[in-house]
PDB file of N, CA and C in Angstrom:
ATOM      1  N   VAL A   1     -40.780   9.105 -85.616  1.00  0.00           N
ATOM      2  CA  VAL A   1     -40.756   7.642 -86.114  1.00  0.00           C
ATOM      3  C   VAL A   1     -40.874   7.603 -87.620  1.00  0.00           C
ATOM      4  N   ALA A   2     -41.723   8.412 -88.189  1.00  0.00           N
ATOM      5  CA  ALA A   2     -41.839   8.440 -89.625  1.00  0.00           C
ATOM      6  C   ALA A   2     -40.594   8.979 -90.276  1.00  0.00           C
ATOM      7  N   GLY A   3     -40.171   8.349 -91.365  1.00  0.00           N
ATOM      8  CA  GLY A   3     -38.953   8.726 -92.011  1.00  0.00           C
ATOM      9  C   GLY A   3     -37.649   8.269 -91.390  1.00  0.00           C
ATOM     10  N   ARG A   4     -37.746   7.438 -90.351  1.00  0.00           N
ATOM     11  CA  ARG A   4     -36.589   6.890 -89.642  1.00  0.00           C
ATOM     12  C   ARG A   4     -36.617   5.362 -89.653  1.00  0.00           C
ATOM     13  N   ALA A   5     -35.447   4.782 -89.574  1.00  0.00           N
ATOM     14  CA  ALA A   5     -35.273   3.360 -89.359  1.00  0.00           C
ATOM     15  C   ALA A   5     -36.185   2.525 -90.230  1.00  0.00           C
ATOM     16  N   GLY A   6     -36.259   2.902 -91.511  1.00  0.00           N
ATOM     17  CA  GLY A   6     -37.062   2.096 -92.481  1.00  0.00           C
ATOM     18  C   GLY A   6     -38.553   2.366 -92.462  1.00  0.00           C
ATOM     19  N   VAL A   7     -39.071   3.227 -91.602  1.00  0.00           N
ATOM     20  CA  VAL A   7     -40.496   3.576 -91.615  1.00  0.00           C
ATOM     21  C   VAL A   7     -40.643   4.754 -92.593  1.00  0.00           C
ATOM     22  N   PRO A   8     -41.521   4.551 -93.589  1.00  0.00           N
ATOM     23  CA  PRO A   8     -41.679   5.652 -94.596  1.00  0.00           C
ATOM     24  C   PRO A   8     -42.234   7.012 -93.996  1.00  0.00           C
ATOM     25  N   ALA A   9     -41.832   8.108 -94.565  1.00  0.00           N
ATOM     26  CA  ALA A   9     -42.281   9.379 -94.092  1.00  0.00           C
ATOM     27  C   ALA A   9     -43.772   9.595 -94.088  1.00  0.00           C
ATOM     28  N   ASP A  10     -44.462   8.758 -94.970  1.00  0.00           N
ATOM     29  CA  ASP A  10     -45.970   8.948 -95.116  1.00  0.00           C
ATOM     30  C   ASP A  10     -46.662   7.817 -94.356  1.00  0.00           C
ATOM     31  N   ALA A  11     -46.008   7.151 -93.405  1.00  0.00           N
ATOM     32  CA  ALA A  11     -46.692   6.055 -92.670  1.00  0.00           C
ATOM     33  C   ALA A  11     -47.734   6.725 -91.736  1.00  0.00           C
ATOM     34  N   SER A  12     -48.790   6.017 -91.461  1.00  0.00           N
ATOM     35  CA  SER A  12     -49.882   6.557 -90.635  1.00  0.00           C
ATOM     36  C   SER A  12     -49.852   5.880 -89.227  1.00  0.00           C
ATOM     37  N   ALA A  13     -49.256   4.760 -89.061  1.00  0.00           N
ATOM     38  CA  ALA A  13     -49.145   4.070 -87.762  1.00  0.00           C
ATOM     39  C   ALA A  13     -47.905   3.177 -87.776  1.00  0.00           C
ATOM     40  N   VAL A  14     -47.489   2.836 -86.564  1.00  0.00           N
ATOM     41  CA  VAL A  14     -46.323   1.991 -86.400  1.00  0.00           C
ATOM     42  C   VAL A  14     -46.565   0.849 -85.420  1.00  0.00           C
ATOM     43  N   MET A  15     -46.058  -0.313 -85.738  1.00  0.00           N
ATOM     44  CA  MET A  15     -46.130  -1.413 -84.860  1.00  0.00           C
ATOM     45  C   MET A  15     -44.785  -1.447 -84.134  1.00  0.00           C
ATOM     46  N   ALA A  16     -44.733  -1.438 -82.911  1.00  0.00           N
ATOM     47  CA  ALA A  16     -43.456  -1.295 -82.164  1.00  0.00           C
ATOM     48  C   ALA A  16     -43.384  -2.211 -80.946  1.00  0.00           C
ATOM     49  N   ASN A  17     -42.215  -2.579 -80.515  1.00  0.00           N
ATOM     50  CA  ASN A  17     -41.943  -3.348 -79.326  1.00  0.00           C
ATOM     51  C   ASN A  17     -41.593  -2.233 -78.295  1.00  0.00           C
ATOM     52  N   LEU A  18     -42.441  -2.086 -77.290  1.00  0.00           N
ATOM     53  CA  LEU A  18     -42.236  -1.008 -76.239  1.00  0.00           C
ATOM     54  C   LEU A  18     -41.632  -1.795 -75.016  1.00  0.00           C
ATOM     55  N   THR A  19     -40.432  -1.501 -74.663  1.00  0.00           N
ATOM     56  CA  THR A  19     -39.721  -2.092 -73.534  1.00  0.00           C
ATOM     57  C   THR A  19     -39.503  -1.103 -72.412  1.00  0.00           C
ATOM     58  N   ILE A  20     -39.789  -1.435 -71.157  1.00  0.00           N
ATOM     59  CA  ILE A  20     -39.493  -0.620 -69.983  1.00  0.00           C
ATOM     60  C   ILE A  20     -38.387  -1.433 -69.194  1.00  0.00           C
ATOM     61  N   ALA A  21     -37.327  -0.727 -68.883  1.00  0.00           N
ATOM     62  CA  ALA A  21     -36.196  -1.334 -68.130  1.00  0.00           C
ATOM     63  C   ALA A  21     -35.748  -0.322 -67.065  1.00  0.00           C
ATOM     64  N   GLY A  22     -35.180  -0.906 -65.954  1.00  0.00           N
ATOM     65  CA  GLY A  22     -34.628  -0.034 -64.911  1.00  0.00           C
ATOM     66  C   GLY A  22     -35.600   0.853 -64.222  1.00  0.00           C
ATOM     67  N   ALA A  23     -36.833   0.343 -64.028  1.00  0.00           N
ATOM     68  CA  ALA A  23     -37.834   1.151 -63.330  1.00  0.00           C
ATOM     69  C   ALA A  23     -37.496   1.380 -61.837  1.00  0.00           C
ATOM     70  N   SER A  24     -37.774   2.610 -61.403  1.00  0.00           N
ATOM     71  CA  SER A  24     -37.554   2.948 -59.976  1.00  0.00           C
ATOM     72  C   SER A  24     -38.661   2.531 -59.079  1.00  0.00           C
ATOM     73  N   ALA A  25     -39.871   2.220 -59.643  1.00  0.00           N
ATOM     74  CA  ALA A  25     -41.028   1.811 -58.888  1.00  0.00           C
ATOM     75  C   ALA A  25     -41.957   1.060 -59.850  1.00  0.00           C
ATOM     76  N   ASP A  26     -42.900   0.291 -59.340  1.00  0.00           N
ATOM     77  CA  ASP A  26     -43.945  -0.406 -60.180  1.00  0.00           C
ATOM     78  C   ASP A  26     -44.781   0.705 -60.858  1.00  0.00           C
ATOM     79  N   GLY A  27     -45.177   0.389 -62.103  1.00  0.00           N
ATOM     80  CA  GLY A  27     -45.991   1.405 -62.779  1.00  0.00           C
ATOM     81  C   GLY A  27     -46.491   0.970 -64.122  1.00  0.00           C
ATOM     82  N   TYR A  28     -46.723   1.930 -65.001  1.00  0.00           N
ATOM     83  CA  TYR A  28     -47.229   1.543 -66.381  1.00  0.00           C
ATOM     84  C   TYR A  28     -46.775   2.617 -67.360  1.00  0.00           C
ATOM     85  N   ALA A  29     -46.787   2.235 -68.625  1.00  0.00           N
ATOM     86  CA  ALA A  29     -46.407   3.130 -69.675  1.00  0.00           C
ATOM     87  C   ALA A  29     -47.505   3.098 -70.783  1.00  0.00           C
ATOM     88  N   THR A  30     -47.740   4.158 -71.386  1.00  0.00           N
ATOM     89  CA  THR A  30     -48.756   4.230 -72.456  1.00  0.00           C
ATOM     90  C   THR A  30     -48.102   4.890 -73.673  1.00  0.00           C
ATOM     91  N   ALA A  31     -48.198   4.159 -74.839  1.00  0.00           N
ATOM     92  CA  ALA A  31     -47.682   4.709 -76.138  1.00  0.00           C
ATOM     93  C   ALA A  31     -48.864   5.124 -76.826  1.00  0.00           C
ATOM     94  N   TYR A  32     -48.884   6.395 -77.436  1.00  0.00           N
ATOM     95  CA  TYR A  32     -50.066   6.982 -78.075  1.00  0.00           C
ATOM     96  C   TYR A  32     -49.659   8.058 -79.053  1.00  0.00           C
ATOM     97  N   GLU A  33     -50.670   8.344 -79.921  1.00  0.00           N
ATOM     98  CA  GLU A  33     -50.549   9.487 -80.759  1.00  0.00           C
ATOM     99  C   GLU A  33     -50.441  10.721 -79.966  1.00  0.00           C
ATOM    100  N   CYS A  34     -49.429  11.522 -80.149  1.00  0.00           N
ATOM    101  CA  CYS A  34     -49.238  12.686 -79.307  1.00  0.00           C
ATOM    102  C   CYS A  34     -50.481  13.582 -79.285  1.00  0.00           C
ATOM    103  N   GLY A  35     -50.879  14.109 -78.136  1.00  0.00           N
ATOM    104  CA  GLY A  35     -52.104  14.881 -77.927  1.00  0.00           C
ATOM    105  C   GLY A  35     -52.666  14.350 -76.594  1.00  0.00           C
ATOM    106  N   THR A  36     -53.941  14.095 -76.613  1.00  0.00           N
ATOM    107  CA  THR A  36     -54.600  13.630 -75.354  1.00  0.00           C
ATOM    108  C   THR A  36     -54.210  12.157 -75.061  1.00  0.00           C
ATOM    109  N   ARG A  37     -53.638  11.939 -73.859  1.00  0.00           N
ATOM    110  CA  ARG A  37     -53.269  10.605 -73.455  1.00  0.00           C
ATOM    111  C   ARG A  37     -54.496   9.795 -73.182  1.00  0.00           C
ATOM    112  N   PRO A  38     -54.573   8.511 -73.696  1.00  0.00           N
ATOM    113  CA  PRO A  38     -55.678   7.688 -73.385  1.00  0.00           C
ATOM    114  C   PRO A  38     -55.593   7.098 -71.974  1.00  0.00           C
ATOM    115  N   PRO A  39     -56.746   6.759 -71.340  1.00  0.00           N
ATOM    116  CA  PRO A  39     -56.706   6.239 -70.016  1.00  0.00           C
ATOM    117  C   PRO A  39     -56.292   4.769 -69.841  1.00  0.00           C
ATOM    118  N   THR A  40     -55.536   4.254 -70.764  1.00  0.00           N
ATOM    119  CA  THR A  40     -55.183   2.818 -70.769  1.00  0.00           C
ATOM    120  C   THR A  40     -53.654   2.697 -70.778  1.00  0.00           C
ATOM    121  N   SER A  41     -53.125   1.555 -70.412  1.00  0.00           N
ATOM    122  CA  SER A  41     -51.693   1.271 -70.416  1.00  0.00           C
ATOM    123  C   SER A  41     -51.323   0.410 -71.558  1.00  0.00           C
ATOM    124  N   SER A  42     -50.163   0.527 -72.083  1.00  0.00           N
ATOM    125  CA  SER A  42     -49.570  -0.312 -73.085  1.00  0.00           C
ATOM    126  C   SER A  42     -48.761  -1.434 -72.469  1.00  0.00           C
ATOM    127  N   VAL A  43     -48.114  -1.158 -71.365  1.00  0.00           N
ATOM    128  CA  VAL A  43     -47.374  -2.143 -70.628  1.00  0.00           C
ATOM    129  C   VAL A  43     -47.329  -1.793 -69.141  1.00  0.00           C
ATOM    130  N   ASN A  44     -47.430  -2.777 -68.294  1.00  0.00           N
ATOM    131  CA  ASN A  44     -47.355  -2.629 -66.854  1.00  0.00           C
ATOM    132  C   ASN A  44     -45.989  -3.192 -66.474  1.00  0.00           C
ATOM    133  N   TYR A  45     -45.266  -2.581 -65.551  1.00  0.00           N
ATOM    134  CA  TYR A  45     -43.978  -3.041 -65.118  1.00  0.00           C
ATOM    135  C   TYR A  45     -43.688  -2.950 -63.721  1.00  0.00           C
ATOM    136  N   GLN A  46     -42.669  -3.746 -63.251  1.00  0.00           N
ATOM    137  CA  GLN A  46     -42.346  -3.812 -61.856  1.00  0.00           C
ATOM    138  C   GLN A  46     -40.854  -3.528 -61.670  1.00  0.00           C
ATOM    139  N   VAL A  47     -40.453  -3.076 -60.447  1.00  0.00           N
ATOM    140  CA  VAL A  47     -39.075  -2.841 -60.169  1.00  0.00           C
ATOM    141  C   VAL A  47     -38.298  -4.138 -60.393  1.00  0.00           C
ATOM    142  N   GLY A  48     -37.068  -4.019 -60.971  1.00  0.00           N
ATOM    143  CA  GLY A  48     -36.189  -5.184 -61.095  1.00  0.00           C
ATOM    144  C   GLY A  48     -36.553  -6.040 -62.290  1.00  0.00           C
ATOM    145  N   ARG A  49     -37.503  -5.694 -63.053  1.00  0.00           N
ATOM    146  CA  ARG A  49     -37.870  -6.553 -64.237  1.00  0.00           C
ATOM    147  C   ARG A  49     -37.947  -5.764 -65.487  1.00  0.00           C
ATOM    148  N   ASN A  50     -37.367  -6.202 -66.558  1.00  0.00           N
ATOM    149  CA  ASN A  50     -37.553  -5.578 -67.816  1.00  0.00           C
ATOM    150  C   ASN A  50     -38.744  -6.210 -68.446  1.00  0.00           C
ATOM    151  N   VAL A  51     -39.677  -5.369 -68.997  1.00  0.00           N
ATOM    152  CA  VAL A  51     -40.918  -5.847 -69.546  1.00  0.00           C
ATOM    153  C   VAL A  51     -41.119  -5.201 -70.941  1.00  0.00           C
ATOM    154  N   ALA A  52     -41.595  -6.037 -71.851  1.00  0.00           N
ATOM    155  CA  ALA A  52     -41.863  -5.600 -73.219  1.00  0.00           C
ATOM    156  C   ALA A  52     -43.285  -5.937 -73.620  1.00  0.00           C
ATOM    157  N   ASN A  53     -43.791  -5.168 -74.566  1.00  0.00           N
ATOM    158  CA  ASN A  53     -45.151  -5.493 -75.101  1.00  0.00           C
ATOM    159  C   ASN A  53     -45.193  -4.888 -76.546  1.00  0.00           C
ATOM    160  N   GLU A  54     -45.866  -5.612 -77.467  1.00  0.00           N
ATOM    161  CA  GLU A  54     -46.045  -5.155 -78.775  1.00  0.00           C
ATOM    162  C   GLU A  54     -47.182  -4.197 -78.818  1.00  0.00           C
ATOM    163  N   VAL A  55     -47.019  -3.027 -79.515  1.00  0.00           N
ATOM    164  CA  VAL A  55     -48.091  -2.051 -79.582  1.00  0.00           C
ATOM    165  C   VAL A  55     -48.230  -1.563 -81.035  1.00  0.00           C
ATOM    166  N   MET A  56     -49.456  -1.164 -81.384  1.00  0.00           N
ATOM    167  CA  MET A  56     -49.744  -0.502 -82.630  1.00  0.00           C
ATOM    168  C   MET A  56     -50.164   0.943 -82.270  1.00  0.00           C
ATOM    169  N   VAL A  57     -49.460   1.919 -82.815  1.00  0.00           N
ATOM    170  CA  VAL A  57     -49.727   3.286 -82.437  1.00  0.00           C
ATOM    171  C   VAL A  57     -49.880   4.185 -83.631  1.00  0.00           C
ATOM    172  N   LYS A  58     -50.977   4.935 -83.702  1.00  0.00           N
ATOM    173  CA  LYS A  58     -51.132   5.893 -84.786  1.00  0.00           C
ATOM    174  C   LYS A  58     -50.109   7.040 -84.618  1.00  0.00           C
ATOM    175  N   LEU A  59     -49.536   7.476 -85.727  1.00  0.00           N
ATOM    176  CA  LEU A  59     -48.541   8.523 -85.743  1.00  0.00           C
ATOM    177  C   LEU A  59     -49.266   9.858 -85.708  1.00  0.00           C
ATOM    178  N   SER A  60     -48.629  10.802 -85.053  1.00  0.00           N
ATOM    179  CA  SER A  60     -49.161  12.206 -85.061  1.00  0.00           C
ATOM    180  C   SER A  60     -48.838  12.839 -86.399  1.00  0.00           C
ATOM    181  N   ARG A  61     -49.425  14.029 -86.637  1.00  0.00           N
ATOM    182  CA  ARG A  61     -49.229  14.691 -87.865  1.00  0.00           C
ATOM    183  C   ARG A  61     -47.801  14.919 -88.224  1.00  0.00           C
ATOM    184  N   SER A  62     -46.946  14.992 -87.200  1.00  0.00           N
ATOM    185  CA  SER A  62     -45.493  15.182 -87.380  1.00  0.00           C
ATOM    186  C   SER A  62     -44.778  13.871 -87.611  1.00  0.00           C
ATOM    187  N   GLY A  63     -45.564  12.738 -87.540  1.00  0.00           N
ATOM    188  CA  GLY A  63     -44.913  11.423 -87.680  1.00  0.00           C
ATOM    189  C   GLY A  63     -44.294  10.771 -86.450  1.00  0.00           C
ATOM    190  N   SER A  64     -44.751  11.350 -85.246  1.00  0.00           N
ATOM    191  CA  SER A  64     -44.114  10.842 -84.024  1.00  0.00           C
ATOM    192  C   SER A  64     -45.162  10.138 -83.132  1.00  0.00           C
ATOM    193  N   ILE A  65     -44.672   9.516 -82.083  1.00  0.00           N
ATOM    194  CA  ILE A  65     -45.550   9.033 -80.959  1.00  0.00           C
ATOM    195  C   ILE A  65     -45.066   9.563 -79.713  1.00  0.00           C
ATOM    196  N   CYS A  66     -45.925   9.559 -78.728  1.00  0.00           N
ATOM    197  CA  CYS A  66     -45.534   9.962 -77.343  1.00  0.00           C
ATOM    198  C   CYS A  66     -45.624   8.713 -76.408  1.00  0.00           C
ATOM    199  N   VAL A  67     -44.777   8.684 -75.453  1.00  0.00           N
ATOM    200  CA  VAL A  67     -44.848   7.593 -74.455  1.00  0.00           C
ATOM    201  C   VAL A  67     -44.870   8.237 -73.056  1.00  0.00           C
ATOM    202  N   PHE A  68     -45.963   7.955 -72.339  1.00  0.00           N
ATOM    203  CA  PHE A  68     -46.093   8.431 -70.958  1.00  0.00           C
ATOM    204  C   PHE A  68     -45.641   7.285 -70.051  1.00  0.00           C
ATOM    205  N   VAL A  69     -44.806   7.581 -69.056  1.00  0.00           N
ATOM    206  CA  VAL A  69     -44.359   6.588 -68.068  1.00  0.00           C
ATOM    207  C   VAL A  69     -44.757   7.147 -66.709  1.00  0.00           C
ATOM    208  N   SER A  70     -45.409   6.251 -65.932  1.00  0.00           N
ATOM    209  CA  SER A  70     -45.926   6.797 -64.606  1.00  0.00           C
ATOM    210  C   SER A  70     -44.830   6.953 -63.553  1.00  0.00           C
ATOM    211  N   GLY A  71     -43.621   6.544 -63.818  1.00  0.00           N
ATOM    212  CA  GLY A  71     -42.561   6.730 -62.937  1.00  0.00           C
ATOM    213  C   GLY A  71     -41.239   6.899 -63.621  1.00  0.00           C
ATOM    214  N   THR A  72     -40.141   6.773 -63.019  1.00  0.00           N
ATOM    215  CA  THR A  72     -38.799   6.871 -63.671  1.00  0.00           C
ATOM    216  C   THR A  72     -38.452   5.519 -64.224  1.00  0.00           C
ATOM    217  N   ALA A  73     -38.152   5.441 -65.529  1.00  0.00           N
ATOM    218  CA  ALA A  73     -37.719   4.175 -66.172  1.00  0.00           C
ATOM    219  C   ALA A  73     -37.132   4.514 -67.467  1.00  0.00           C
ATOM    220  N   ASN A  74     -36.335   3.503 -67.968  1.00  0.00           N
ATOM    221  CA  ASN A  74     -35.758   3.656 -69.316  1.00  0.00           C
ATOM    222  C   ASN A  74     -36.803   3.132 -70.338  1.00  0.00           C
ATOM    223  N   VAL A  75     -37.025   3.765 -71.322  1.00  0.00           N
ATOM    224  CA  VAL A  75     -37.954   3.416 -72.419  1.00  0.00           C
ATOM    225  C   VAL A  75     -37.284   3.104 -73.691  1.00  0.00           C
ATOM    226  N   ILE A  76     -37.553   1.976 -74.224  1.00  0.00           N
ATOM    227  CA  ILE A  76     -36.974   1.524 -75.495  1.00  0.00           C
ATOM    228  C   ILE A  76     -38.096   1.194 -76.488  1.00  0.00           C
ATOM    229  N   VAL A  77     -38.085   1.858 -77.642  1.00  0.00           N
ATOM    230  CA  VAL A  77     -39.039   1.642 -78.685  1.00  0.00           C
ATOM    231  C   VAL A  77     -38.461   1.146 -79.888  1.00  0.00           C
ATOM    232  N   ASP A  78     -38.720  -0.069 -80.297  1.00  0.00           N
ATOM    233  CA  ASP A  78     -38.191  -0.663 -81.559  1.00  0.00           C
ATOM    234  C   ASP A  78     -39.349  -0.753 -82.543  1.00  0.00           C
ATOM    235  N   ALA A  79     -39.274  -0.021 -83.644  1.00  0.00           N
ATOM    236  CA  ALA A  79     -40.345  -0.100 -84.708  1.00  0.00           C
ATOM    237  C   ALA A  79     -40.071  -1.422 -85.470  1.00  0.00           C
ATOM    238  N   VAL A  80     -41.168  -2.182 -85.578  1.00  0.00           N
ATOM    239  CA  VAL A  80     -41.098  -3.529 -86.279  1.00  0.00           C
ATOM    240  C   VAL A  80     -42.007  -3.583 -87.454  1.00  0.00           C
ATOM    241  N   GLY A  81     -42.821  -2.603 -87.705  1.00  0.00           N
ATOM    242  CA  GLY A  81     -43.707  -2.612 -88.842  1.00  0.00           C
ATOM    243  C   GLY A  81     -44.398  -1.241 -88.969  1.00  0.00           C
ATOM    244  N   PHE A  82     -45.154  -1.071 -90.019  1.00  0.00           N
ATOM    245  CA  PHE A  82     -45.844   0.198 -90.215  1.00  0.00           C
ATOM    246  C   PHE A  82     -47.015   0.063 -91.124  1.00  0.00           C
ATOM    247  N   VAL A  83     -47.916   0.975 -91.100  1.00  0.00           N
ATOM    248  CA  VAL A  83     -49.109   1.124 -91.990  1.00  0.00           C
ATOM    249  C   VAL A  83     -49.048   2.376 -92.728  1.00  0.00           C
TER     250      VAL A  83
END
């Protein structure tokens, strides 16, 4: 994320729109700083519905984020701001 799409290379966090589309089953997704996944969800989704949520995620040392999805789904991350 850092150094791409207008996010500076030295950014420490990103505000993003996390969208889940085309899910094969109901579930949840979690956006987080890569490493240990937190026990919370960023967005809950259902089959047949595209669902989005605004998230603030700390960037890893390499400037990236990780997204865990509890099932099969398309994940769209649009960066809208940074710190």
